[in-house]
Amino acid sequence: EQILNDAGAVSGAHDEVSLAELGMAPLLEIYAFLEASTQGPKPVVVDYEDLSRNPEGTLRALCEAIGIPFKKAMLTWPQGPKDCDGLW
């Protein structure tokens, strides 16, 4: 499994913005570095379309891949801003 947006799909939705401006280029570089690394497990990537279509199945597969238990509570959370929210 992998967790990444399709860079083409993301850039297509933002034709006036470059992949660099979207922050995709550095993420792809980090992923390539991690994938090429011989130390540690390979990076896990989840396609956002899979997550949107099948949240529970995708999260179950992710949890299994990274060795943590799946919990139904992962599928819901209270609405509204959180103290841990970023600038978005």
PDB file of N, CA and C in Angstrom:
ATOM      1  N   GLU A   1       0.832  -1.175   0.000  1.00  0.00           N
ATOM      2  CA  GLU A   1       0.000   0.000   0.000  1.00  0.00           C
ATOM      3  C   GLU A   1       0.883   1.248   0.000  1.00  0.00           C
ATOM      4  N   GLN A   2       0.319   2.340  -0.449  1.00  0.00           N
ATOM      5  CA  GLN A   2       1.054   3.600  -0.502  1.00  0.00           C
ATOM      6  C   GLN A   2       0.105   4.759  -0.205  1.00  0.00           C
ATOM      7  N   ILE A   3       0.597   5.843   0.385  1.00  0.00           N
ATOM      8  CA  ILE A   3      -0.242   7.040   0.645  1.00  0.00           C
ATOM      9  C   ILE A   3       0.342   8.222  -0.113  1.00  0.00           C
ATOM     10  N   LEU A   4      -0.167   8.471  -1.274  1.00  0.00           N
ATOM     11  CA  LEU A   4       0.248   9.606  -2.094  1.00  0.00           C
ATOM     12  C   LEU A   4      -0.871   9.932  -3.046  1.00  0.00           C
ATOM     13  N   ASN A   5      -1.000  11.173  -3.393  1.00  0.00           N
ATOM     14  CA  ASN A   5      -1.892  11.562  -4.481  1.00  0.00           C
ATOM     15  C   ASN A   5      -1.182  11.290  -5.790  1.00  0.00           C
ATOM     16  N   ASP A   6      -1.945  11.057  -6.837  1.00  0.00           N
ATOM     17  CA  ASP A   6      -1.384  10.983  -8.187  1.00  0.00           C
ATOM     18  C   ASP A   6      -0.991  12.406  -8.554  1.00  0.00           C
ATOM     19  N   ALA A   7       0.297  12.629  -8.736  1.00  0.00           N
ATOM     20  CA  ALA A   7       0.783  13.990  -9.019  1.00  0.00           C
ATOM     21  C   ALA A   7       0.097  14.585 -10.241  1.00  0.00           C
ATOM     22  N   GLY A   8      -0.172  13.774 -11.252  1.00  0.00           N
ATOM     23  CA  GLY A   8      -0.853  14.267 -12.443  1.00  0.00           C
ATOM     24  C   GLY A   8      -2.270  14.697 -12.140  1.00  0.00           C
ATOM     25  N   ALA A   9      -2.966  13.932 -11.304  1.00  0.00           N
ATOM     26  CA  ALA A   9      -4.336  14.291 -10.942  1.00  0.00           C
ATOM     27  C   ALA A   9      -4.346  15.573 -10.121  1.00  0.00           C
ATOM     28  N   VAL A  10      -3.395  15.705  -9.242  1.00  0.00           N
ATOM     29  CA  VAL A  10      -3.330  16.910  -8.411  1.00  0.00           C
ATOM     30  C   VAL A  10      -3.008  18.111  -9.276  1.00  0.00           C
ATOM     31  N   SER A  11      -2.001  17.989 -10.146  1.00  0.00           N
ATOM     32  CA  SER A  11      -1.615  19.135 -10.966  1.00  0.00           C
ATOM     33  C   SER A  11      -2.709  19.475 -11.966  1.00  0.00           C
ATOM     34  N   GLY A  12      -3.442  18.467 -12.455  1.00  0.00           N
ATOM     35  CA  GLY A  12      -4.532  18.724 -13.385  1.00  0.00           C
ATOM     36  C   GLY A  12      -5.652  19.525 -12.759  1.00  0.00           C
ATOM     37  N   ALA A  13      -5.825  19.361 -11.457  1.00  0.00           N
ATOM     38  CA  ALA A  13      -6.861  20.114 -10.749  1.00  0.00           C
ATOM     39  C   ALA A  13      -6.423  21.551 -10.470  1.00  0.00           C
ATOM     40  N   HIS A  14      -5.146  21.815 -10.638  1.00  0.00           N
ATOM     41  CA  HIS A  14      -4.580  23.137 -10.362  1.00  0.00           C
ATOM     42  C   HIS A  14      -3.674  23.536 -11.526  1.00  0.00           C
ATOM     43  N   ASP A  15      -4.259  23.691 -12.718  1.00  0.00           N
ATOM     44  CA  ASP A  15      -3.468  23.939 -13.919  1.00  0.00           C
ATOM     45  C   ASP A  15      -2.573  25.163 -13.814  1.00  0.00           C
ATOM     46  N   GLU A  16      -2.991  26.161 -13.058  1.00  0.00           N
ATOM     47  CA  GLU A  16      -2.209  27.395 -12.973  1.00  0.00           C
ATOM     48  C   GLU A  16      -1.091  27.311 -11.930  1.00  0.00           C
ATOM     49  N   VAL A  17      -0.982  26.174 -11.232  1.00  0.00           N
ATOM     50  CA  VAL A  17      -0.002  26.006 -10.167  1.00  0.00           C
ATOM     51  C   VAL A  17       0.933  24.853 -10.525  1.00  0.00           C
ATOM     52  N   SER A  18       2.226  25.037 -10.291  1.00  0.00           N
ATOM     53  CA  SER A  18       3.196  23.981 -10.598  1.00  0.00           C
ATOM     54  C   SER A  18       3.227  22.933  -9.488  1.00  0.00           C
ATOM     55  N   LEU A  19       3.792  21.763  -9.805  1.00  0.00           N
ATOM     56  CA  LEU A  19       3.952  20.724  -8.785  1.00  0.00           C
ATOM     57  C   LEU A  19       4.830  21.221  -7.644  1.00  0.00           C
ATOM     58  N   ALA A  20       5.828  22.031  -7.964  1.00  0.00           N
ATOM     59  CA  ALA A  20       6.698  22.588  -6.918  1.00  0.00           C
ATOM     60  C   ALA A  20       5.894  23.476  -5.971  1.00  0.00           C
ATOM     61  N   GLU A  21       5.001  24.298  -6.542  1.00  0.00           N
ATOM     62  CA  GLU A  21       4.184  25.180  -5.709  1.00  0.00           C
ATOM     63  C   GLU A  21       3.197  24.390  -4.845  1.00  0.00           C
ATOM     64  N   LEU A  22       2.788  23.232  -5.336  1.00  0.00           N
ATOM     65  CA  LEU A  22       1.893  22.380  -4.557  1.00  0.00           C
ATOM     66  C   LEU A  22       2.644  21.584  -3.499  1.00  0.00           C
ATOM     67  N   GLY A  23       3.965  21.620  -3.561  1.00  0.00           N
ATOM     68  CA  GLY A  23       4.771  20.878  -2.600  1.00  0.00           C
ATOM     69  C   GLY A  23       4.976  19.427  -2.962  1.00  0.00           C
ATOM     70  N   MET A  24       4.592  19.032  -4.176  1.00  0.00           N
ATOM     71  CA  MET A  24       4.701  17.631  -4.578  1.00  0.00           C
ATOM     72  C   MET A  24       6.140  17.219  -4.884  1.00  0.00           C
ATOM     73  N   ALA A  25       6.923  18.098  -5.486  1.00  0.00           N
ATOM     74  CA  ALA A  25       8.281  17.731  -5.882  1.00  0.00           C
ATOM     75  C   ALA A  25       9.109  17.270  -4.678  1.00  0.00           C
ATOM     76  N   PRO A  26       9.146  18.023  -3.579  1.00  0.00           N
ATOM     77  CA  PRO A  26       9.924  17.550  -2.427  1.00  0.00           C
ATOM     78  C   PRO A  26       9.390  16.237  -1.851  1.00  0.00           C
ATOM     79  N   LEU A  27       8.069  16.061  -1.866  1.00  0.00           N
ATOM     80  CA  LEU A  27       7.498  14.813  -1.359  1.00  0.00           C
ATOM     81  C   LEU A  27       7.920  13.629  -2.219  1.00  0.00           C
ATOM     82  N   LEU A  28       7.921  13.812  -3.532  1.00  0.00           N
ATOM     83  CA  LEU A  28       8.343  12.744  -4.423  1.00  0.00           C
ATOM     84  C   LEU A  28       9.829  12.437  -4.252  1.00  0.00           C
ATOM     85  N   GLU A  29      10.637  13.455  -4.005  1.00  0.00           N
ATOM     86  CA  GLU A  29      12.069  13.237  -3.746  1.00  0.00           C
ATOM     87  C   GLU A  29      12.272  12.442  -2.454  1.00  0.00           C
ATOM     88  N   ILE A  30      11.541  12.798  -1.425  1.00  0.00           N
ATOM     89  CA  ILE A  30      11.639  12.064  -0.152  1.00  0.00           C
ATOM     90  C   ILE A  30      11.223  10.615  -0.351  1.00  0.00           C
ATOM     91  N   TYR A  31      10.120  10.407  -1.069  1.00  0.00           N
ATOM     92  CA  TYR A  31       9.651   9.044  -1.316  1.00  0.00           C
ATOM     93  C   TYR A  31      10.709   8.245  -2.076  1.00  0.00           C
ATOM     94  N   ALA A  32      11.276   8.819  -3.132  1.00  0.00           N
ATOM     95  CA  ALA A  32      12.294   8.114  -3.924  1.00  0.00           C
ATOM     96  C   ALA A  32      13.500   7.770  -3.060  1.00  0.00           C
ATOM     97  N   PHE A  33      13.910   8.694  -2.206  1.00  0.00           N
ATOM     98  CA  PHE A  33      15.034   8.438  -1.309  1.00  0.00           C
ATOM     99  C   PHE A  33      14.724   7.272  -0.375  1.00  0.00           C
ATOM    100  N   LEU A  34      13.549   7.298   0.246  1.00  0.00           N
ATOM    101  CA  LEU A  34      13.167   6.237   1.172  1.00  0.00           C
ATOM    102  C   LEU A  34      13.031   4.891   0.467  1.00  0.00           C
ATOM    103  N   GLU A  35      12.468   4.907  -0.721  1.00  0.00           N
ATOM    104  CA  GLU A  35      12.288   3.659  -1.462  1.00  0.00           C
ATOM    105  C   GLU A  35      13.638   3.054  -1.846  1.00  0.00           C
ATOM    106  N   ALA A  36      14.614   3.895  -2.168  1.00  0.00           N
ATOM    107  CA  ALA A  36      15.937   3.414  -2.568  1.00  0.00           C
ATOM    108  C   ALA A  36      16.783   2.989  -1.368  1.00  0.00           C
ATOM    109  N   SER A  37      16.401   3.408  -0.189  1.00  0.00           N
ATOM    110  CA  SER A  37      17.169   3.101   1.008  1.00  0.00           C
ATOM    111  C   SER A  37      17.147   1.602   1.276  1.00  0.00           C
ATOM    112  N   THR A  38      18.276   1.083   1.700  1.00  0.00           N
ATOM    113  CA  THR A  38      18.342  -0.341   2.034  1.00  0.00           C
ATOM    114  C   THR A  38      18.064  -0.569   3.510  1.00  0.00           C
ATOM    115  N   GLN A  39      17.911   0.514   4.277  1.00  0.00           N
ATOM    116  CA  GLN A  39      17.656   0.395   5.702  1.00  0.00           C
ATOM    117  C   GLN A  39      16.170   0.597   5.982  1.00  0.00           C
ATOM    118  N   GLY A  40      15.624  -0.231   6.824  1.00  0.00           N
ATOM    119  CA  GLY A  40      14.239  -0.065   7.253  1.00  0.00           C
ATOM    120  C   GLY A  40      13.236  -0.517   6.215  1.00  0.00           C
ATOM    121  N   PRO A  41      11.979  -0.485   6.609  1.00  0.00           N
ATOM    122  CA  PRO A  41      10.916  -0.922   5.678  1.00  0.00           C
ATOM    123  C   PRO A  41      10.711   0.094   4.557  1.00  0.00           C
ATOM    124  N   LYS A  42      10.155  -0.383   3.475  1.00  0.00           N
ATOM    125  CA  LYS A  42       9.820   0.496   2.353  1.00  0.00           C
ATOM    126  C   LYS A  42       8.686   1.426   2.780  1.00  0.00           C
ATOM    127  N   PRO A  43       8.628   2.631   2.202  1.00  0.00           N
ATOM    128  CA  PRO A  43       7.539   3.550   2.569  1.00  0.00           C
ATOM    129  C   PRO A  43       6.180   2.993   2.161  1.00  0.00           C
ATOM    130  N   VAL A  44       5.192   3.284   2.967  1.00  0.00           N
ATOM    131  CA  VAL A  44       3.820   2.859   2.699  1.00  0.00           C
ATOM    132  C   VAL A  44       3.096   4.036   2.068  1.00  0.00           C
ATOM    133  N   VAL A  45       2.422   3.780   0.954  1.00  0.00           N
ATOM    134  CA  VAL A  45       1.711   4.832   0.228  1.00  0.00           C
ATOM    135  C   VAL A  45       0.281   4.376  -0.012  1.00  0.00           C
ATOM    136  N   VAL A  46      -0.677   5.262   0.279  1.00  0.00           N
ATOM    137  CA  VAL A  46      -2.096   4.966   0.056  1.00  0.00           C
ATOM    138  C   VAL A  46      -2.631   5.968  -0.951  1.00  0.00           C
ATOM    139  N   ASP A  47      -3.284   5.478  -1.961  1.00  0.00           N
ATOM    140  CA  ASP A  47      -3.884   6.334  -2.975  1.00  0.00           C
ATOM    141  C   ASP A  47      -5.142   6.981  -2.389  1.00  0.00           C
ATOM    142  N   TYR A  48      -5.237   8.299  -2.529  1.00  0.00           N
ATOM    143  CA  TYR A  48      -6.386   9.001  -1.951  1.00  0.00           C
ATOM    144  C   TYR A  48      -7.706   8.535  -2.552  1.00  0.00           C
ATOM    145  N   GLU A  49      -7.704   8.080  -3.807  1.00  0.00           N
ATOM    146  CA  GLU A  49      -8.945   7.578  -4.409  1.00  0.00           C
ATOM    147  C   GLU A  49      -9.378   6.283  -3.726  1.00  0.00           C
ATOM    148  N   ASP A  50      -8.422   5.399  -3.399  1.00  0.00           N
ATOM    149  CA  ASP A  50      -8.757   4.179  -2.662  1.00  0.00           C
ATOM    150  C   ASP A  50      -9.316   4.536  -1.291  1.00  0.00           C
ATOM    151  N   LEU A  51      -8.686   5.489  -0.632  1.00  0.00           N
ATOM    152  CA  LEU A  51      -9.143   5.904   0.688  1.00  0.00           C
ATOM    153  C   LEU A  51     -10.540   6.505   0.625  1.00  0.00           C
ATOM    154  N   SER A  52     -10.814   7.276  -0.420  1.00  0.00           N
ATOM    155  CA  SER A  52     -12.143   7.882  -0.585  1.00  0.00           C
ATOM    156  C   SER A  52     -13.208   6.837  -0.879  1.00  0.00           C
ATOM    157  N   ARG A  53     -12.880   5.873  -1.737  1.00  0.00           N
ATOM    158  CA  ARG A  53     -13.851   4.843  -2.130  1.00  0.00           C
ATOM    159  C   ARG A  53     -14.083   3.802  -1.041  1.00  0.00           C
ATOM    160  N   ASN A  54     -13.017   3.449  -0.329  1.00  0.00           N
ATOM    161  CA  ASN A  54     -13.112   2.366   0.647  1.00  0.00           C
ATOM    162  C   ASN A  54     -12.286   2.714   1.886  1.00  0.00           C
ATOM    163  N   PRO A  55     -12.771   3.659   2.695  1.00  0.00           N
ATOM    164  CA  PRO A  55     -11.980   4.098   3.837  1.00  0.00           C
ATOM    165  C   PRO A  55     -11.604   2.966   4.800  1.00  0.00           C
ATOM    166  N   GLU A  56     -12.561   2.144   5.162  1.00  0.00           N
ATOM    167  CA  GLU A  56     -12.263   1.097   6.143  1.00  0.00           C
ATOM    168  C   GLU A  56     -11.279   0.076   5.588  1.00  0.00           C
ATOM    169  N   GLY A  57     -11.509  -0.396   4.382  1.00  0.00           N
ATOM    170  CA  GLY A  57     -10.606  -1.385   3.797  1.00  0.00           C
ATOM    171  C   GLY A  57      -9.196  -0.841   3.612  1.00  0.00           C
ATOM    172  N   THR A  58      -9.106   0.424   3.192  1.00  0.00           N
ATOM    173  CA  THR A  58      -7.805   1.046   2.976  1.00  0.00           C
ATOM    174  C   THR A  58      -7.075   1.240   4.294  1.00  0.00           C
ATOM    175  N   LEU A  59      -7.791   1.708   5.320  1.00  0.00           N
ATOM    176  CA  LEU A  59      -7.155   1.889   6.624  1.00  0.00           C
ATOM    177  C   LEU A  59      -6.761   0.558   7.257  1.00  0.00           C
ATOM    178  N   ARG A  60      -7.586  -0.467   7.053  1.00  0.00           N
ATOM    179  CA  ARG A  60      -7.224  -1.794   7.567  1.00  0.00           C
ATOM    180  C   ARG A  60      -5.917  -2.270   6.913  1.00  0.00           C
ATOM    181  N   ALA A  61      -5.813  -2.102   5.591  1.00  0.00           N
ATOM    182  CA  ALA A  61      -4.595  -2.515   4.876  1.00  0.00           C
ATOM    183  C   ALA A  61      -3.393  -1.699   5.343  1.00  0.00           C
ATOM    184  N   LEU A  62      -3.584  -0.394   5.543  1.00  0.00           N
ATOM    185  CA  LEU A  62      -2.499   0.463   6.024  1.00  0.00           C
ATOM    186  C   LEU A  62      -2.042   0.009   7.407  1.00  0.00           C
ATOM    187  N   CYS A  63      -2.991  -0.194   8.307  1.00  0.00           N
ATOM    188  CA  CYS A  63      -2.639  -0.624   9.665  1.00  0.00           C
ATOM    189  C   CYS A  63      -1.871  -1.944   9.637  1.00  0.00           C
ATOM    190  N   GLU A  64      -2.313  -2.867   8.824  1.00  0.00           N
ATOM    191  CA  GLU A  64      -1.610  -4.153   8.716  1.00  0.00           C
ATOM    192  C   GLU A  64      -0.187  -3.940   8.185  1.00  0.00           C
ATOM    193  N   ALA A  65      -0.057  -3.078   7.180  1.00  0.00           N
ATOM    194  CA  ALA A  65       1.256  -2.840   6.565  1.00  0.00           C
ATOM    195  C   ALA A  65       2.242  -2.213   7.545  1.00  0.00           C
ATOM    196  N   ILE A  66       1.749  -1.375   8.461  1.00  0.00           N
ATOM    197  CA  ILE A  66       2.665  -0.708   9.386  1.00  0.00           C
ATOM    198  C   ILE A  66       2.648  -1.337  10.777  1.00  0.00           C
ATOM    199  N   GLY A  67       1.878  -2.404  10.935  1.00  0.00           N
ATOM    200  CA  GLY A  67       1.926  -3.180  12.169  1.00  0.00           C
ATOM    201  C   GLY A  67       1.233  -2.566  13.360  1.00  0.00           C
ATOM    202  N   ILE A  68       0.106  -1.882  13.111  1.00  0.00           N
ATOM    203  CA  ILE A  68      -0.688  -1.362  14.229  1.00  0.00           C
ATOM    204  C   ILE A  68      -2.113  -1.893  14.107  1.00  0.00           C
ATOM    205  N   PRO A  69      -2.830  -1.982  15.224  1.00  0.00           N
ATOM    206  CA  PRO A  69      -4.202  -2.483  15.148  1.00  0.00           C
ATOM    207  C   PRO A  69      -5.138  -1.455  14.516  1.00  0.00           C
ATOM    208  N   PHE A  70      -6.057  -1.939  13.709  1.00  0.00           N
ATOM    209  CA  PHE A  70      -7.108  -1.079  13.158  1.00  0.00           C
ATOM    210  C   PHE A  70      -8.156  -0.859  14.234  1.00  0.00           C
ATOM    211  N   LYS A  71      -8.649   0.367  14.325  1.00  0.00           N
ATOM    212  CA  LYS A  71      -9.742   0.687  15.241  1.00  0.00           C
ATOM    213  C   LYS A  71     -10.811   1.443  14.456  1.00  0.00           C
ATOM    214  N   LYS A  72     -12.064   1.059  14.636  1.00  0.00           N
ATOM    215  CA  LYS A  72     -13.181   1.716  13.940  1.00  0.00           C
ATOM    216  C   LYS A  72     -13.176   3.222  14.175  1.00  0.00           C
ATOM    217  N   ALA A  73     -12.668   3.663  15.339  1.00  0.00           N
ATOM    218  CA  ALA A  73     -12.647   5.088  15.667  1.00  0.00           C
ATOM    219  C   ALA A  73     -11.790   5.873  14.682  1.00  0.00           C
ATOM    220  N   MET A  74     -10.930   5.201  13.929  1.00  0.00           N
ATOM    221  CA  MET A  74     -10.100   5.884  12.927  1.00  0.00           C
ATOM    222  C   MET A  74     -10.945   6.455  11.789  1.00  0.00           C
ATOM    223  N   LEU A  75     -12.166   5.967  11.654  1.00  0.00           N
ATOM    224  CA  LEU A  75     -13.016   6.358  10.531  1.00  0.00           C
ATOM    225  C   LEU A  75     -13.852   7.607  10.799  1.00  0.00           C
ATOM    226  N   THR A  76     -13.902   8.061  12.037  1.00  0.00           N
ATOM    227  CA  THR A  76     -14.712   9.234  12.371  1.00  0.00           C
ATOM    228  C   THR A  76     -13.966  10.103  13.381  1.00  0.00           C
ATOM    229  N   TRP A  77     -14.329  11.359  13.423  1.00  0.00           N
ATOM    230  CA  TRP A  77     -13.775  12.289  14.398  1.00  0.00           C
ATOM    231  C   TRP A  77     -14.739  13.464  14.497  1.00  0.00           C
ATOM    232  N   PRO A  78     -14.699  14.187  15.624  1.00  0.00           N
ATOM    233  CA  PRO A  78     -15.608  15.333  15.786  1.00  0.00           C
ATOM    234  C   PRO A  78     -15.304  16.430  14.773  1.00  0.00           C
ATOM    235  N   GLN A  79     -16.356  17.067  14.284  1.00  0.00           N
ATOM    236  CA  GLN A  79     -16.189  18.174  13.355  1.00  0.00           C
ATOM    237  C   GLN A  79     -15.616  19.391  14.061  1.00  0.00           C
ATOM    238  N   GLY A  80     -15.075  20.297  13.270  1.00  0.00           N
ATOM    239  CA  GLY A  80     -14.605  21.573  13.801  1.00  0.00           C
ATOM    240  C   GLY A  80     -13.097  21.633  13.916  1.00  0.00           C
ATOM    241  N   PRO A  81     -12.588  22.827  14.179  1.00  0.00           N
ATOM    242  CA  PRO A  81     -11.145  23.012  14.283  1.00  0.00           C
ATOM    243  C   PRO A  81     -10.563  22.276  15.494  1.00  0.00           C
ATOM    244  N   LYS A  82      -9.300  21.890  15.352  1.00  0.00           N
ATOM    245  CA  LYS A  82      -8.569  21.195  16.417  1.00  0.00           C
ATOM    246  C   LYS A  82      -7.332  22.010  16.775  1.00  0.00           C
ATOM    247  N   ASP A  83      -6.888  21.889  17.995  1.00  0.00           N
ATOM    248  CA  ASP A  83      -5.667  22.585  18.419  1.00  0.00           C
ATOM    249  C   ASP A  83      -4.463  22.180  17.570  1.00  0.00           C
ATOM    250  N   CYS A  84      -4.484  20.949  17.064  1.00  0.00           N
ATOM    251  CA  CYS A  84      -3.338  20.439  16.309  1.00  0.00           C
ATOM    252  C   CYS A  84      -3.429  20.751  14.814  1.00  0.00           C
ATOM    253  N   ASP A  85      -4.504  21.410  14.357  1.00  0.00           N
ATOM    254  CA  ASP A  85      -4.634  21.749  12.949  1.00  0.00           C
ATOM    255  C   ASP A  85      -3.522  22.687  12.496  1.00  0.00           C
ATOM    256  N   GLY A  86      -3.094  22.487  11.261  1.00  0.00           N
ATOM    257  CA  GLY A  86      -2.086  23.380  10.693  1.00  0.00           C
ATOM    258  C   GLY A  86      -2.709  24.632  10.114  1.00  0.00           C
ATOM    259  N   LEU A  87      -1.986  25.271   9.229  1.00  0.00           N
ATOM    260  CA  LEU A  87      -2.450  26.512   8.633  1.00  0.00           C
ATOM    261  C   LEU A  87      -3.625  26.329   7.683  1.00  0.00           C
ATOM    262  N   TRP A  88      -3.843  25.106   7.218  1.00  0.00           N
ATOM    263  CA  TRP A  88      -4.924  24.877   6.267  1.00  0.00           C
ATOM    264  C   TRP A  88      -6.237  25.065   6.956  1.00  0.00           C
TER     265      TRP A  88
END
